[in-house]
Amino acid sequence: MINKMKLKSFFHVFALLIALAVFIAIIGIGSALVYFNIARFQRLSPAFNFVIGAVLFGFVSFCVTYVIWLSRTVSKITKGIRDISLREYQPLKESGIFSGIYGALNKMDMDIRDSDKLRNETESVRKEWITNVTHDLKTPLSPIKGYAELLTDNEKIETHTVQEYGAIILKNAVHAEKLINDLKLTYQLDSGAFPYNPQKIRLMRFIKELIIDIVNDPLFSERNIIFDRDIPEIDISLDVDLFRRAVQNLVINALIHNAVDTEVRISVDTETDRNVNIHIRDNGKGMTEAEQERLFERYYRGTNTKERPEGSGLGLAIANQIIKLHDGVIKIRSKPNEGAEFVITLPINN
């Protein structure tokens, strides 16, 4: 059975060809001439003449009407294309023989609008990045320059003062270096340029050693960090250096953005024999829903940053990238004044 749509298309094409032929005949283009034997035509009955004239008139009227309709339709399609380029397009009703074309125009307009939106958001993020990087690099460079000038201009400066100024310069130089390394790492993770070398490790032992490293840092030696080890050892495939960086970022984030008496608790459990969950909980300030939605954005520092204003703003974004690289996911559960919990879910590769 011939498709109904194909019949309509054939009918419209055939009518268009007939209409063109009639117009060519009427205006006398080329050598096409239409003439009638007037003598024979006059011998026909008046009724038959009327019928023939009516048929010819109706046919010519149909052709003219069809050509006008087709011209308007083509104009509407042309206007739609022009409006899309001007971002003034209004969606067309997808009906009739040209419904496919109308649908394609509507989809094109939606795709272009989505592309424009993404481009504007990307440009906004790019400008924000430039602003933040400039500000964050100036923050450590200003004291480095200032104290270096003091050392240069003062010829009789005392030794303990030199050591004090040198310590300040070193601290800010280390901060600038960390910021640059964080920027480099996040772009390497984005582009896939960072070497990824997973290996089989014992997860419980790995986390225990990581917590010991954090506690041995003078900045956190007096903080309350607890590791709940209630399950047997788990063998899992991880890039040791990258994953250590991710978990450290999450634990240190909980420490530096909460009061000194905040308790940070790390635990591990398995829902199935395919996945393992690493929980990092604290009983600190917690976060609002708005803060949670933006938590893994680059340079987002939230509102609780007074304890560590010199942070790069990239720690959680890097942690999220590393966990995704391991085919894992990270979720946040938190309420204001009720603490926060990060849950890392990883596949167990046997």
C-alpha atoms as a PDB file:
ATOM      1  CA  MET A   1       0.000   0.000   0.000  1.00  0.00           C
ATOM      2  CA  ILE A   2       1.315   3.424  -0.974  1.00  0.00           C
ATOM      3  CA  ASN A   3       1.992   5.627   2.001  1.00  0.00           C
ATOM      4  CA  LYS A   4      -0.558   8.413   2.430  1.00  0.00           C
ATOM      5  CA  MET A   5       2.182  10.971   2.892  1.00  0.00           C
ATOM      6  CA  LYS A   6       3.860   9.958  -0.347  1.00  0.00           C
ATOM      7  CA  LEU A   7       0.546  10.345  -2.214  1.00  0.00           C
ATOM      8  CA  LYS A   8       0.173  13.881  -0.874  1.00  0.00           C
ATOM      9  CA  SER A   9       3.724  14.737  -1.883  1.00  0.00           C
ATOM     10  CA  PHE A  10       3.157  13.336  -5.388  1.00  0.00           C
ATOM     11  CA  PHE A  11      -0.100  15.269  -5.715  1.00  0.00           C
ATOM     12  CA  HIS A  12       1.538  18.552  -4.742  1.00  0.00           C
ATOM     13  CA  VAL A  13       4.464  18.043  -7.114  1.00  0.00           C
ATOM     14  CA  PHE A  14       2.110  17.076  -9.968  1.00  0.00           C
ATOM     15  CA  ALA A  15      -0.116  20.107  -9.324  1.00  0.00           C
ATOM     16  CA  LEU A  16       2.904  22.375  -9.303  1.00  0.00           C
ATOM     17  CA  LEU A  17       4.087  21.015 -12.647  1.00  0.00           C
ATOM     18  CA  ILE A  18       0.605  21.505 -14.156  1.00  0.00           C
ATOM     19  CA  ALA A  19       0.457  25.041 -12.818  1.00  0.00           C
ATOM     20  CA  LEU A  20       3.809  25.894 -14.345  1.00  0.00           C
ATOM     21  CA  ALA A  21       2.756  24.440 -17.666  1.00  0.00           C
ATOM     22  CA  VAL A  22      -0.445  26.522 -17.667  1.00  0.00           C
ATOM     23  CA  PHE A  23       1.424  29.724 -16.916  1.00  0.00           C
ATOM     24  CA  ILE A  24       3.959  28.994 -19.632  1.00  0.00           C
ATOM     25  CA  ALA A  25       1.089  28.466 -22.018  1.00  0.00           C
ATOM     26  CA  ILE A  26      -0.662  31.703 -20.991  1.00  0.00           C
ATOM     27  CA  ILE A  27       2.314  34.080 -21.233  1.00  0.00           C
ATOM     28  CA  GLY A  28       3.704  32.448 -24.368  1.00  0.00           C
ATOM     29  CA  ILE A  29       7.205  31.586 -23.101  1.00  0.00           C
ATOM     30  CA  GLY A  30       9.343  29.912 -25.704  1.00  0.00           C
ATOM     31  CA  SER A  31       7.592  28.367 -28.616  1.00  0.00           C
ATOM     32  CA  ALA A  32       4.769  26.782 -26.641  1.00  0.00           C
ATOM     33  CA  LEU A  33       1.538  28.047 -28.147  1.00  0.00           C
ATOM     34  CA  VAL A  34      -1.995  27.023 -27.399  1.00  0.00           C
ATOM     35  CA  TYR A  35      -4.666  27.742 -29.960  1.00  0.00           C
ATOM     36  CA  PHE A  36      -8.146  26.530 -30.656  1.00  0.00           C
ATOM     37  CA  ASN A  37     -10.022  25.857 -33.860  1.00  0.00           C
ATOM     38  CA  ILE A  38     -12.602  28.594 -33.367  1.00  0.00           C
ATOM     39  CA  ALA A  39     -14.950  27.261 -36.046  1.00  0.00           C
ATOM     40  CA  ARG A  40     -15.194  23.832 -34.442  1.00  0.00           C
ATOM     41  CA  PHE A  41     -15.424  25.352 -30.975  1.00  0.00           C
ATOM     42  CA  GLN A  42     -18.361  27.566 -32.060  1.00  0.00           C
ATOM     43  CA  ARG A  43     -20.342  24.525 -33.308  1.00  0.00           C
ATOM     44  CA  LEU A  44     -20.416  23.063 -29.805  1.00  0.00           C
ATOM     45  CA  SER A  45     -23.562  23.553 -27.753  1.00  0.00           C
ATOM     46  CA  PRO A  46     -23.600  26.531 -25.381  1.00  0.00           C
ATOM     47  CA  ALA A  47     -23.981  24.197 -22.381  1.00  0.00           C
ATOM     48  CA  PHE A  48     -20.920  22.217 -23.390  1.00  0.00           C
ATOM     49  CA  ASN A  49     -19.018  25.446 -24.007  1.00  0.00           C
ATOM     50  CA  PHE A  50     -19.972  26.582 -20.520  1.00  0.00           C
ATOM     51  CA  VAL A  51     -18.791  23.323 -18.968  1.00  0.00           C
ATOM     52  CA  ILE A  52     -15.481  23.461 -20.823  1.00  0.00           C
ATOM     53  CA  GLY A  53     -14.990  27.099 -19.820  1.00  0.00           C
ATOM     54  CA  ALA A  54     -15.858  26.363 -16.191  1.00  0.00           C
ATOM     55  CA  VAL A  55     -13.432  23.440 -16.083  1.00  0.00           C
ATOM     56  CA  LEU A  56     -10.671  25.540 -17.607  1.00  0.00           C
ATOM     57  CA  PHE A  57     -11.410  28.430 -15.255  1.00  0.00           C
ATOM     58  CA  GLY A  58     -11.506  26.108 -12.231  1.00  0.00           C
ATOM     59  CA  PHE A  59      -8.274  24.458 -13.240  1.00  0.00           C
ATOM     60  CA  VAL A  60      -6.499  27.770 -13.784  1.00  0.00           C
ATOM     61  CA  SER A  61      -7.898  29.085 -10.475  1.00  0.00           C
ATOM     62  CA  PHE A  62      -6.667  25.975  -8.679  1.00  0.00           C
ATOM     63  CA  CYS A  63      -3.195  26.337 -10.173  1.00  0.00           C
ATOM     64  CA  VAL A  64      -3.014  30.014  -9.286  1.00  0.00           C
ATOM     65  CA  THR A  65      -4.275  29.347  -5.749  1.00  0.00           C
ATOM     66  CA  TYR A  66      -1.809  26.494  -5.292  1.00  0.00           C
ATOM     67  CA  VAL A  67       1.120  28.579  -6.515  1.00  0.00           C
ATOM     68  CA  ILE A  68       0.128  31.412  -4.163  1.00  0.00           C
ATOM     69  CA  TRP A  69      -0.157  28.968  -1.232  1.00  0.00           C
ATOM     70  CA  LEU A  70       3.168  27.364  -2.074  1.00  0.00           C
ATOM     71  CA  SER A  71       4.812  30.774  -2.370  1.00  0.00           C
ATOM     72  CA  ARG A  72       3.520  31.802   1.055  1.00  0.00           C
ATOM     73  CA  THR A  73       4.693  28.518   2.583  1.00  0.00           C
ATOM     74  CA  VAL A  74       8.165  28.921   1.137  1.00  0.00           C
ATOM     75  CA  SER A  75       8.204  32.517   2.392  1.00  0.00           C
ATOM     76  CA  LYS A  76       7.247  31.312   5.874  1.00  0.00           C
ATOM     77  CA  ILE A  77      10.086  28.768   5.841  1.00  0.00           C
ATOM     78  CA  THR A  78      12.521  31.403   4.556  1.00  0.00           C
ATOM     79  CA  LYS A  79      11.406  33.831   7.273  1.00  0.00           C
ATOM     80  CA  GLY A  80      11.850  31.103   9.881  1.00  0.00           C
ATOM     81  CA  ILE A  81      15.448  30.495   8.771  1.00  0.00           C
ATOM     82  CA  ARG A  82      16.136  34.245   8.855  1.00  0.00           C
ATOM     83  CA  ASP A  83      14.547  34.601  12.297  1.00  0.00           C
ATOM     84  CA  ILE A  84      16.679  31.740  13.630  1.00  0.00           C
ATOM     85  CA  SER A  85      19.830  33.571  12.556  1.00  0.00           C
ATOM     86  CA  LEU A  86      18.532  36.731  14.260  1.00  0.00           C
ATOM     87  CA  ARG A  87      17.481  34.786  17.404  1.00  0.00           C
ATOM     88  CA  GLU A  88      13.875  35.993  16.872  1.00  0.00           C
ATOM     89  CA  TYR A  89      12.333  32.687  15.814  1.00  0.00           C
ATOM     90  CA  GLN A  90       8.880  31.659  17.009  1.00  0.00           C
ATOM     91  CA  PRO A  91       8.170  27.893  16.842  1.00  0.00           C
ATOM     92  CA  LEU A  92       5.993  26.828  13.905  1.00  0.00           C
ATOM     93  CA  LYS A  93       3.072  24.431  14.217  1.00  0.00           C
ATOM     94  CA  GLU A  94       4.202  21.051  12.924  1.00  0.00           C
ATOM     95  CA  SER A  95       1.301  20.123  10.607  1.00  0.00           C
ATOM     96  CA  GLY A  96       0.599  19.648   6.921  1.00  0.00           C
ATOM     97  CA  ILE A  97       2.801  18.400   4.127  1.00  0.00           C
ATOM     98  CA  PHE A  98       5.741  20.486   5.391  1.00  0.00           C
ATOM     99  CA  SER A  99       5.487  19.339   9.025  1.00  0.00           C
ATOM    100  CA  GLY A 100       8.888  17.654   8.747  1.00  0.00           C
ATOM    101  CA  ILE A 101      10.509  20.916   7.675  1.00  0.00           C
ATOM    102  CA  TYR A 102       8.753  22.846  10.453  1.00  0.00           C
ATOM    103  CA  GLY A 103       9.926  20.256  12.976  1.00  0.00           C
ATOM    104  CA  ALA A 104      13.510  20.532  11.706  1.00  0.00           C
ATOM    105  CA  LEU A 105      13.371  24.329  12.055  1.00  0.00           C
ATOM    106  CA  ASN A 106      11.987  24.068  15.584  1.00  0.00           C
ATOM    107  CA  LYS A 107      14.733  21.625  16.577  1.00  0.00           C
ATOM    108  CA  MET A 108      17.406  23.792  14.959  1.00  0.00           C
ATOM    109  CA  ASP A 109      16.199  26.794  16.950  1.00  0.00           C
ATOM    110  CA  MET A 110      16.265  24.815  20.220  1.00  0.00           C
ATOM    111  CA  ASP A 111      19.770  23.487  19.507  1.00  0.00           C
ATOM    112  CA  ILE A 112      21.061  26.977  18.700  1.00  0.00           C
ATOM    113  CA  ARG A 113      19.475  28.439  21.841  1.00  0.00           C
ATOM    114  CA  ASP A 114      21.034  25.667  23.960  1.00  0.00           C
ATOM    115  CA  SER A 115      24.392  26.274  22.287  1.00  0.00           C
ATOM    116  CA  ASP A 116      24.127  30.015  22.944  1.00  0.00           C
ATOM    117  CA  LYS A 117      23.270  29.372  26.589  1.00  0.00           C
ATOM    118  CA  LEU A 118      26.218  26.999  27.022  1.00  0.00           C
ATOM    119  CA  ARG A 119      28.558  29.458  25.320  1.00  0.00           C
ATOM    120  CA  ASN A 120      27.427  32.299  27.599  1.00  0.00           C
ATOM    121  CA  GLU A 121      27.819  30.120  30.696  1.00  0.00           C
ATOM    122  CA  THR A 122      31.269  28.996  29.550  1.00  0.00           C
ATOM    123  CA  GLU A 123      32.314  32.572  28.914  1.00  0.00           C
ATOM    124  CA  SER A 124      31.028  33.595  32.340  1.00  0.00           C
ATOM    125  CA  VAL A 125      32.963  30.759  34.002  1.00  0.00           C
ATOM    126  CA  ARG A 126      36.090  31.660  32.012  1.00  0.00           C
ATOM    127  CA  LYS A 127      35.919  35.285  33.153  1.00  0.00           C
ATOM    128  CA  GLU A 128      35.335  34.162  36.738  1.00  0.00           C
ATOM    129  CA  TRP A 129      38.344  31.871  36.502  1.00  0.00           C
ATOM    130  CA  ILE A 130      40.576  34.666  35.250  1.00  0.00           C
ATOM    131  CA  THR A 131      39.368  37.009  37.992  1.00  0.00           C
ATOM    132  CA  ASN A 132      39.860  34.420  40.728  1.00  0.00           C
ATOM    133  CA  VAL A 133      43.258  33.237  39.517  1.00  0.00           C
ATOM    134  CA  THR A 134      44.485  36.823  39.275  1.00  0.00           C
ATOM    135  CA  HIS A 135      43.234  37.595  42.774  1.00  0.00           C
ATOM    136  CA  ASP A 136      44.577  34.399  44.321  1.00  0.00           C
ATOM    137  CA  LEU A 137      48.023  34.818  42.789  1.00  0.00           C
ATOM    138  CA  LYS A 138      48.203  38.436  43.929  1.00  0.00           C
ATOM    139  CA  THR A 139      47.338  37.411  47.505  1.00  0.00           C
ATOM    140  CA  PRO A 140      50.635  35.556  48.191  1.00  0.00           C
ATOM    141  CA  LEU A 141      52.726  37.661  45.801  1.00  0.00           C
ATOM    142  CA  SER A 142      51.937  40.941  47.565  1.00  0.00           C
ATOM    143  CA  PRO A 143      53.537  39.980  50.920  1.00  0.00           C
ATOM    144  CA  ILE A 144      56.411  38.253  49.109  1.00  0.00           C
ATOM    145  CA  LYS A 145      57.153  41.478  47.256  1.00  0.00           C
ATOM    146  CA  GLY A 146      56.593  43.655  50.317  1.00  0.00           C
ATOM    147  CA  TYR A 147      58.844  41.740  52.706  1.00  0.00           C
ATOM    148  CA  ALA A 148      61.494  41.267  50.010  1.00  0.00           C
ATOM    149  CA  GLU A 149      61.594  45.062  49.554  1.00  0.00           C
ATOM    150  CA  LEU A 150      61.998  45.507  53.315  1.00  0.00           C
ATOM    151  CA  LEU A 151      64.930  43.109  53.318  1.00  0.00           C
ATOM    152  CA  THR A 152      66.483  44.829  50.333  1.00  0.00           C
ATOM    153  CA  ASP A 153      66.100  48.405  51.600  1.00  0.00           C
ATOM    154  CA  ASN A 154      67.282  47.777  55.159  1.00  0.00           C
ATOM    155  CA  GLU A 155      71.028  47.147  55.305  1.00  0.00           C
ATOM    156  CA  LYS A 156      71.239  46.757  59.105  1.00  0.00           C
ATOM    157  CA  ILE A 157      68.248  44.503  59.680  1.00  0.00           C
ATOM    158  CA  GLU A 158      68.538  42.132  62.614  1.00  0.00           C
ATOM    159  CA  THR A 159      68.890  38.374  62.163  1.00  0.00           C
ATOM    160  CA  HIS A 160      65.654  37.406  63.897  1.00  0.00           C
ATOM    161  CA  THR A 161      63.777  39.946  61.749  1.00  0.00           C
ATOM    162  CA  VAL A 162      65.320  38.458  58.615  1.00  0.00           C
ATOM    163  CA  GLN A 163      64.170  35.015  59.736  1.00  0.00           C
ATOM    164  CA  GLU A 164      60.681  36.312  60.479  1.00  0.00           C
ATOM    165  CA  TYR A 165      60.366  37.974  57.085  1.00  0.00           C
ATOM    166  CA  GLY A 166      61.852  34.927  55.382  1.00  0.00           C
ATOM    167  CA  ALA A 167      59.288  32.664  57.037  1.00  0.00           C
ATOM    168  CA  ILE A 168      56.463  34.878  55.777  1.00  0.00           C
ATOM    169  CA  ILE A 169      57.912  34.914  52.269  1.00  0.00           C
ATOM    170  CA  LEU A 170      58.324  31.125  52.325  1.00  0.00           C
ATOM    171  CA  LYS A 171      54.753  30.577  53.554  1.00  0.00           C
ATOM    172  CA  ASN A 172      53.289  32.688  50.754  1.00  0.00           C
ATOM    173  CA  ALA A 173      55.586  31.164  48.149  1.00  0.00           C
ATOM    174  CA  VAL A 174      54.380  27.685  49.182  1.00  0.00           C
ATOM    175  CA  HIS A 175      50.775  28.881  48.912  1.00  0.00           C
ATOM    176  CA  ALA A 176      51.376  30.286  45.405  1.00  0.00           C
ATOM    177  CA  GLU A 177      53.040  27.036  44.384  1.00  0.00           C
ATOM    178  CA  LYS A 178      50.088  25.008  45.711  1.00  0.00           C
ATOM    179  CA  LEU A 179      47.633  27.159  43.788  1.00  0.00           C
ATOM    180  CA  ILE A 180      49.577  26.718  40.566  1.00  0.00           C
ATOM    181  CA  ASN A 181      49.814  22.953  41.126  1.00  0.00           C
ATOM    182  CA  ASP A 182      46.073  22.752  41.796  1.00  0.00           C
ATOM    183  CA  LEU A 183      45.334  24.658  38.596  1.00  0.00           C
ATOM    184  CA  LYS A 184      47.641  22.383  36.645  1.00  0.00           C
ATOM    185  CA  LEU A 185      46.128  19.224  38.128  1.00  0.00           C
ATOM    186  CA  THR A 186      42.496  20.184  37.499  1.00  0.00           C
ATOM    187  CA  TYR A 187      43.211  20.964  33.842  1.00  0.00           C
ATOM    188  CA  GLN A 188      45.197  17.736  33.453  1.00  0.00           C
ATOM    189  CA  LEU A 189      42.275  15.770  34.873  1.00  0.00           C
ATOM    190  CA  ASP A 190      39.875  17.569  32.535  1.00  0.00           C
ATOM    191  CA  SER A 191      41.943  16.815  29.454  1.00  0.00           C
ATOM    192  CA  GLY A 192      42.944  13.300  30.483  1.00  0.00           C
ATOM    193  CA  ALA A 193      46.615  14.293  30.372  1.00  0.00           C
ATOM    194  CA  PHE A 194      47.366  13.192  33.933  1.00  0.00           C
ATOM    195  CA  PRO A 195      48.828   9.651  34.134  1.00  0.00           C
ATOM    196  CA  TYR A 196      46.362   7.222  35.709  1.00  0.00           C
ATOM    197  CA  ASN A 197      48.059   4.187  37.246  1.00  0.00           C
ATOM    198  CA  PRO A 198      45.631   2.030  39.263  1.00  0.00           C
ATOM    199  CA  GLN A 199      46.957  -0.844  41.338  1.00  0.00           C
ATOM    200  CA  LYS A 200      45.558  -3.341  43.820  1.00  0.00           C
ATOM    201  CA  ILE A 201      45.701  -2.037  47.394  1.00  0.00           C
ATOM    202  CA  ARG A 202      44.229  -2.867  50.782  1.00  0.00           C
ATOM    203  CA  LEU A 203      41.675  -0.146  51.305  1.00  0.00           C
ATOM    204  CA  MET A 204      41.448  -0.205  55.120  1.00  0.00           C
ATOM    205  CA  ARG A 205      45.209  -0.017  55.531  1.00  0.00           C
ATOM    206  CA  PHE A 206      45.391   2.739  52.925  1.00  0.00           C
ATOM    207  CA  ILE A 207      42.843   4.919  54.786  1.00  0.00           C
ATOM    208  CA  LYS A 208      44.531   4.270  58.142  1.00  0.00           C
ATOM    209  CA  GLU A 209      47.914   5.421  56.796  1.00  0.00           C
ATOM    210  CA  LEU A 210      46.291   8.457  55.187  1.00  0.00           C
ATOM    211  CA  ILE A 211      44.716   9.523  58.493  1.00  0.00           C
ATOM    212  CA  ILE A 212      48.040   9.069  60.276  1.00  0.00           C
ATOM    213  CA  ASP A 213      49.672  11.397  57.721  1.00  0.00           C
ATOM    214  CA  ILE A 214      47.018  14.067  58.384  1.00  0.00           C
ATOM    215  CA  VAL A 215      47.344  13.762  62.166  1.00  0.00           C
ATOM    216  CA  ASN A 216      51.130  14.105  61.881  1.00  0.00           C
ATOM    217  CA  ASP A 217      50.675  17.495  60.189  1.00  0.00           C
ATOM    218  CA  PRO A 218      51.302  20.160  62.885  1.00  0.00           C
ATOM    219  CA  LEU A 219      48.210  22.042  61.691  1.00  0.00           C
ATOM    220  CA  PHE A 220      45.940  19.115  62.579  1.00  0.00           C
ATOM    221  CA  SER A 221      47.839  17.253  65.296  1.00  0.00           C
ATOM    222  CA  GLU A 222      45.371  18.377  67.972  1.00  0.00           C
ATOM    223  CA  ARG A 223      42.231  17.706  65.956  1.00  0.00           C
ATOM    224  CA  ASN A 224      39.777  14.891  66.624  1.00  0.00           C
ATOM    225  CA  ILE A 225      39.894  12.392  63.729  1.00  0.00           C
ATOM    226  CA  ILE A 226      38.401   8.911  64.192  1.00  0.00           C
ATOM    227  CA  PHE A 227      38.601   5.887  61.889  1.00  0.00           C
ATOM    228  CA  ASP A 228      35.884   3.250  62.400  1.00  0.00           C
ATOM    229  CA  ARG A 229      37.157  -0.073  61.119  1.00  0.00           C
ATOM    230  CA  ASP A 230      34.259  -2.491  61.457  1.00  0.00           C
ATOM    231  CA  ILE A 231      34.603  -4.585  58.295  1.00  0.00           C
ATOM    232  CA  PRO A 232      37.262  -6.971  56.937  1.00  0.00           C
ATOM    233  CA  GLU A 233      40.027  -5.772  54.657  1.00  0.00           C
ATOM    234  CA  ILE A 234      38.973  -4.932  51.078  1.00  0.00           C
ATOM    235  CA  ASP A 235      41.179  -5.260  48.018  1.00  0.00           C
ATOM    236  CA  ILE A 236      40.442  -2.559  45.468  1.00  0.00           C
ATOM    237  CA  SER A 237      42.118  -1.056  42.405  1.00  0.00           C
ATOM    238  CA  LEU A 238      43.074   2.628  42.868  1.00  0.00           C
ATOM    239  CA  ASP A 239      45.628   5.165  41.736  1.00  0.00           C
ATOM    240  CA  VAL A 240      47.268   5.596  45.138  1.00  0.00           C
ATOM    241  CA  ASP A 241      48.597   9.137  44.690  1.00  0.00           C
ATOM    242  CA  LEU A 242      45.445  10.539  43.118  1.00  0.00           C
ATOM    243  CA  PHE A 243      43.022   8.884  45.519  1.00  0.00           C
ATOM    244  CA  ARG A 244      45.065   9.950  48.530  1.00  0.00           C
ATOM    245  CA  ARG A 245      44.774  13.509  47.245  1.00  0.00           C
ATOM    246  CA  ALA A 246      40.976  13.202  46.935  1.00  0.00           C
ATOM    247  CA  VAL A 247      40.376  11.796  50.438  1.00  0.00           C
ATOM    248  CA  GLN A 248      42.846  14.223  52.021  1.00  0.00           C
ATOM    249  CA  ASN A 249      41.039  17.136  50.401  1.00  0.00           C
ATOM    250  CA  LEU A 250      37.709  15.976  51.834  1.00  0.00           C
ATOM    251  CA  VAL A 251      39.048  15.362  55.357  1.00  0.00           C
ATOM    252  CA  ILE A 252      41.028  18.603  55.468  1.00  0.00           C
ATOM    253  CA  ASN A 253      38.022  20.511  54.130  1.00  0.00           C
ATOM    254  CA  ALA A 254      36.004  19.242  57.119  1.00  0.00           C
ATOM    255  CA  LEU A 255      38.793  20.322  59.489  1.00  0.00           C
ATOM    256  CA  ILE A 256      39.580  23.808  58.212  1.00  0.00           C
ATOM    257  CA  HIS A 257      35.984  24.970  57.782  1.00  0.00           C
ATOM    258  CA  ASN A 258      34.804  23.955  61.253  1.00  0.00           C
ATOM    259  CA  ALA A 259      35.694  24.758  64.843  1.00  0.00           C
ATOM    260  CA  VAL A 260      38.758  23.136  66.450  1.00  0.00           C
ATOM    261  CA  ASP A 261      36.611  20.859  68.615  1.00  0.00           C
ATOM    262  CA  THR A 262      34.814  19.378  65.571  1.00  0.00           C
ATOM    263  CA  GLU A 263      34.955  15.597  65.317  1.00  0.00           C
ATOM    264  CA  VAL A 264      35.692  14.065  61.891  1.00  0.00           C
ATOM    265  CA  ARG A 265      34.820  10.368  61.577  1.00  0.00           C
ATOM    266  CA  ILE A 266      35.801   8.110  58.658  1.00  0.00           C
ATOM    267  CA  SER A 267      34.145   4.736  58.101  1.00  0.00           C
ATOM    268  CA  VAL A 268      33.800   2.131  55.347  1.00  0.00           C
ATOM    269  CA  ASP A 269      30.951  -0.205  54.436  1.00  0.00           C
ATOM    270  CA  THR A 270      29.785  -2.362  51.530  1.00  0.00           C
ATOM    271  CA  GLU A 271      26.197  -2.393  50.317  1.00  0.00           C
ATOM    272  CA  THR A 272      26.888  -5.250  47.905  1.00  0.00           C
ATOM    273  CA  ASP A 273      29.957  -7.213  46.853  1.00  0.00           C
ATOM    274  CA  ARG A 274      30.301  -4.817  43.909  1.00  0.00           C
ATOM    275  CA  ASN A 275      30.524  -1.408  45.604  1.00  0.00           C
ATOM    276  CA  VAL A 276      32.244   0.057  48.651  1.00  0.00           C
ATOM    277  CA  ASN A 277      31.259   3.280  50.445  1.00  0.00           C
ATOM    278  CA  ILE A 278      33.684   5.573  52.246  1.00  0.00           C
ATOM    279  CA  HIS A 279      31.948   7.934  54.697  1.00  0.00           C
ATOM    280  CA  ILE A 280      33.559  11.157  55.922  1.00  0.00           C
ATOM    281  CA  ARG A 281      31.335  12.726  58.608  1.00  0.00           C
ATOM    282  CA  ASP A 282      31.703  15.762  60.818  1.00  0.00           C
ATOM    283  CA  ASN A 283      29.534  17.371  63.486  1.00  0.00           C
ATOM    284  CA  GLY A 284      30.372  20.911  62.434  1.00  0.00           C
ATOM    285  CA  LYS A 285      28.478  23.829  60.954  1.00  0.00           C
ATOM    286  CA  GLY A 286      26.839  21.972  58.096  1.00  0.00           C
ATOM    287  CA  MET A 287      25.731  23.512  54.819  1.00  0.00           C
ATOM    288  CA  THR A 288      22.611  24.883  53.189  1.00  0.00           C
ATOM    289  CA  GLU A 289      21.100  23.272  50.071  1.00  0.00           C
ATOM    290  CA  ALA A 290      22.352  26.197  47.969  1.00  0.00           C
ATOM    291  CA  GLU A 291      25.920  25.604  49.184  1.00  0.00           C
ATOM    292  CA  GLN A 292      25.670  21.875  48.503  1.00  0.00           C
ATOM    293  CA  GLU A 293      24.576  22.466  44.906  1.00  0.00           C
ATOM    294  CA  ARG A 294      27.718  24.504  44.177  1.00  0.00           C
ATOM    295  CA  LEU A 295      30.129  22.657  46.449  1.00  0.00           C
ATOM    296  CA  PHE A 296      32.106  20.906  43.696  1.00  0.00           C
ATOM    297  CA  GLU A 297      32.405  23.965  41.466  1.00  0.00           C
ATOM    298  CA  ARG A 298      35.878  25.323  40.959  1.00  0.00           C
ATOM    299  CA  TYR A 299      36.671  28.303  43.123  1.00  0.00           C
ATOM    300  CA  TYR A 300      33.489  27.976  45.157  1.00  0.00           C
ATOM    301  CA  ARG A 301      34.400  28.531  48.812  1.00  0.00           C
ATOM    302  CA  GLY A 302      30.954  28.702  50.379  1.00  0.00           C
ATOM    303  CA  THR A 303      30.385  30.942  53.373  1.00  0.00           C
ATOM    304  CA  ASN A 304      32.446  29.208  56.080  1.00  0.00           C
ATOM    305  CA  THR A 305      35.935  30.226  54.928  1.00  0.00           C
ATOM    306  CA  LYS A 306      37.172  32.493  57.700  1.00  0.00           C
ATOM    307  CA  GLU A 307      39.424  29.774  59.125  1.00  0.00           C
ATOM    308  CA  ARG A 308      41.322  29.271  55.864  1.00  0.00           C
ATOM    309  CA  PRO A 309      40.765  32.196  53.485  1.00  0.00           C
ATOM    310  CA  GLU A 310      43.942  31.397  51.546  1.00  0.00           C
ATOM    311  CA  GLY A 311      42.554  28.110  50.206  1.00  0.00           C
ATOM    312  CA  SER A 312      42.678  27.658  46.446  1.00  0.00           C
ATOM    313  CA  GLY A 313      38.970  26.889  46.099  1.00  0.00           C
ATOM    314  CA  LEU A 314      39.868  23.869  43.974  1.00  0.00           C
ATOM    315  CA  GLY A 315      40.181  21.115  46.590  1.00  0.00           C
ATOM    316  CA  LEU A 316      36.663  19.677  46.378  1.00  0.00           C
ATOM    317  CA  ALA A 317      36.490  20.109  42.606  1.00  0.00           C
ATOM    318  CA  ILE A 318      39.729  18.105  42.285  1.00  0.00           C
ATOM    319  CA  ALA A 319      38.405  15.432  44.671  1.00  0.00           C
ATOM    320  CA  ASN A 320      35.263  15.097  42.562  1.00  0.00           C
ATOM    321  CA  GLN A 321      37.290  14.795  39.347  1.00  0.00           C
ATOM    322  CA  ILE A 322      39.546  12.109  40.835  1.00  0.00           C
ATOM    323  CA  ILE A 323      36.624  10.056  42.123  1.00  0.00           C
ATOM    324  CA  LYS A 324      34.927  10.211  38.709  1.00  0.00           C
ATOM    325  CA  LEU A 325      38.211   9.073  37.150  1.00  0.00           C
ATOM    326  CA  HIS A 326      37.911   5.942  39.331  1.00  0.00           C
ATOM    327  CA  ASP A 327      34.340   5.351  38.017  1.00  0.00           C
ATOM    328  CA  GLY A 328      33.000   6.422  41.408  1.00  0.00           C
ATOM    329  CA  VAL A 329      30.516   9.000  42.633  1.00  0.00           C
ATOM    330  CA  ILE A 330      30.537  11.379  45.583  1.00  0.00           C
ATOM    331  CA  LYS A 331      27.457  12.632  47.409  1.00  0.00           C
ATOM    332  CA  ILE A 332      26.955  15.193  50.171  1.00  0.00           C
ATOM    333  CA  ARG A 333      24.397  15.071  52.978  1.00  0.00           C
ATOM    334  CA  SER A 334      24.166  18.083  55.240  1.00  0.00           C
ATOM    335  CA  LYS A 335      21.947  20.516  57.103  1.00  0.00           C
ATOM    336  CA  PRO A 336      22.894  23.792  58.780  1.00  0.00           C
ATOM    337  CA  ASN A 337      24.228  23.239  62.321  1.00  0.00           C
ATOM    338  CA  GLU A 338      23.928  19.446  61.928  1.00  0.00           C
ATOM    339  CA  GLY A 339      27.275  18.637  60.353  1.00  0.00           C
ATOM    340  CA  ALA A 340      28.026  17.171  56.937  1.00  0.00           C
ATOM    341  CA  GLU A 341      28.726  13.775  55.439  1.00  0.00           C
ATOM    342  CA  PHE A 342      30.555  12.978  52.206  1.00  0.00           C
ATOM    343  CA  VAL A 343      29.920   9.512  50.780  1.00  0.00           C
ATOM    344  CA  ILE A 344      32.329   8.126  48.181  1.00  0.00           C
ATOM    345  CA  THR A 345      31.010   5.074  46.298  1.00  0.00           C
ATOM    346  CA  LEU A 346      33.563   3.036  44.349  1.00  0.00           C
ATOM    347  CA  PRO A 347      33.286  -0.185  42.329  1.00  0.00           C
ATOM    348  CA  ILE A 348      35.171  -3.161  43.736  1.00  0.00           C
ATOM    349  CA  ASN A 349      37.251  -4.580  40.890  1.00  0.00           C
ATOM    350  CA  ASN A 350      38.045  -8.214  41.654  1.00  0.00           C
END
